[in-house]
Protein backbone atom coordinates (compact mmCIF):
# COMPACT_ATOMS: atom_id res chain seq x y z
CA MET A 1 0.11 -0.24 0.03
CA ALA A 2 1.23 3.21 -1.27
CA LYS A 3 2.05 5.88 1.87
CA ILE A 4 0.03 9.29 1.41
CA ALA A 5 1.58 12.41 3.07
CA LYS A 6 0.20 13.98 6.36
CA LYS A 7 -1.57 17.16 5.61
CA VAL A 8 -2.58 19.08 8.86
CA LEU A 9 -3.98 22.74 9.17
CA PHE A 10 -2.88 24.60 12.09
CA TRP A 11 -4.05 27.87 13.41
CA GLY A 12 -3.93 29.85 16.72
CA SER A 13 -6.85 29.98 19.27
CA VAL A 14 -9.26 33.09 19.08
CA ASN A 15 -10.28 33.68 22.61
CA ASP A 16 -14.49 33.65 22.10
CA ALA A 17 -14.33 31.17 19.52
CA ASP A 18 -17.01 28.33 20.06
CA LYS A 19 -16.02 26.56 16.75
CA TYR A 20 -13.72 27.21 13.88
CA ASN A 21 -14.80 26.15 10.06
CA VAL A 22 -12.58 25.47 7.71
CA ARG A 23 -13.20 26.03 4.02
CA ILE A 24 -11.50 24.66 0.93
CA ILE A 25 -11.97 25.97 -2.64
CA PRO A 26 -10.42 25.94 -5.76
CA GLU A 27 -7.46 28.14 -6.47
CA GLY A 28 -9.32 31.92 -7.51
CA THR A 29 -12.66 31.18 -6.48
CA PRO A 30 -13.70 33.89 -4.52
CA PHE A 31 -14.47 33.41 -0.92
CA SER A 32 -18.33 33.48 0.43
CA TYR A 33 -19.70 32.78 3.85
CA SER A 34 -22.67 31.48 2.28
CA GLU A 35 -21.71 29.74 -0.66
CA THR A 36 -18.69 27.88 0.37
CA PRO A 37 -19.35 24.80 2.35
CA ALA A 38 -17.67 24.95 5.71
CA ILE A 39 -15.69 21.78 7.54
CA GLY A 40 -16.32 21.93 10.70
CA ALA A 41 -13.06 21.91 13.15
CA ALA A 42 -13.01 20.64 16.73
CA HIS A 43 -12.52 23.78 19.43
CA ALA A 44 -10.39 22.43 22.21
CA PRO A 45 -11.10 25.16 24.83
CA GLY A 46 -7.76 26.49 26.65
CA GLN A 47 -5.73 25.49 23.52
CA ALA A 48 -2.92 27.67 21.93
CA GLU A 49 -3.59 26.03 18.52
CA HIS A 50 -6.02 24.46 16.64
CA GLU A 51 -5.34 21.94 13.63
CA ALA A 52 -7.52 19.67 10.91
CA ASP A 53 -6.12 16.82 9.22
CA LEU A 54 -7.29 17.39 5.39
CA ALA A 55 -6.04 13.49 4.71
CA GLY A 56 -9.05 11.71 3.14
CA LEU A 57 -10.88 14.38 1.90
CA ALA A 58 -13.27 13.40 -1.09
CA ILE A 59 -11.46 16.13 -2.92
CA SER A 60 -8.92 16.11 -6.43
CA GLU A 61 -5.66 16.94 -6.52
CA GLY A 62 -4.91 20.53 -7.15
CA ILE A 63 -3.75 23.68 -5.90
CA TYR A 64 -6.70 25.37 -3.24
CA ASP A 65 -7.31 27.91 -1.16
CA ILE A 66 -8.10 27.44 2.49
CA TYR A 67 -10.05 29.79 4.91
CA VAL A 68 -10.69 29.27 8.92
CA THR A 69 -12.99 31.37 10.36
CA ALA A 70 -13.59 31.56 14.08
CA VAL A 71 -17.47 31.23 15.17
CA ASP A 72 -19.08 32.63 18.95
CA ILE A 73 -21.44 31.17 20.50
CA ALA A 74 -24.02 33.63 18.78
CA GLY A 75 -23.26 32.29 15.17
CA ASN A 76 -20.84 35.39 14.27
CA GLU A 77 -17.75 34.50 12.30
CA SER A 78 -14.71 36.62 12.12
CA ASP A 79 -12.89 37.18 8.70
CA PRO A 80 -10.77 34.84 7.62
CA LEU A 81 -7.43 33.55 8.14
CA GLU A 82 -5.99 32.81 4.44
CA PHE A 83 -3.91 30.08 3.38
CA GLN A 84 -3.18 30.78 -0.49
CA ASP A 85 -2.38 28.54 -3.01
CA ALA A 86 -2.05 25.30 -0.94
CA VAL A 87 -1.01 22.22 -2.71
CA LEU A 88 -3.50 18.96 -2.05
CA ASP A 89 -2.29 15.98 -3.68
CA PHE A 90 -3.45 12.45 -2.25
CA VAL A 91 -2.81 10.43 -4.98
CA PRO A 92 0.61 8.81 -4.54
CA PRO A 93 2.52 8.20 -7.84
CA ALA A 94 2.94 4.98 -9.87
CA ALA A 95 5.11 2.40 -8.54
CA PRO A 96 8.20 2.05 -10.68
CA ALA A 97 7.34 -0.18 -13.77
CA PHE A 98 11.09 -2.49 -13.66
CA GLY A 99 14.17 -2.98 -11.97
CA GLY A 100 16.70 -5.45 -11.27
CA PHE A 101 20.14 -6.04 -10.25
CA ARG A 102 23.28 -5.31 -12.44
CA GLU A 103 26.86 -7.07 -12.75
């Protein structure tokens, strides 16, 4: 079985955040709170950093813009932290086709 590299996104904690949203959209697509589905990310109170493991997402390999927002208990959502031009590749290359020993 091929090895797929880990893709773990991390960001700093926000004091009054109840949760975080992660949005992954194709490079160059305009950001929209309402039109871009969010991947919910767990919030662990008291931690200095939070993270989301992106491995195993059902998206094609390519270049994406990633946005992380903080959401408070009232449902207010922050401006996004942006990660532009992120290369997401979850497909390993093909195995070598031939080989052996030489004398």
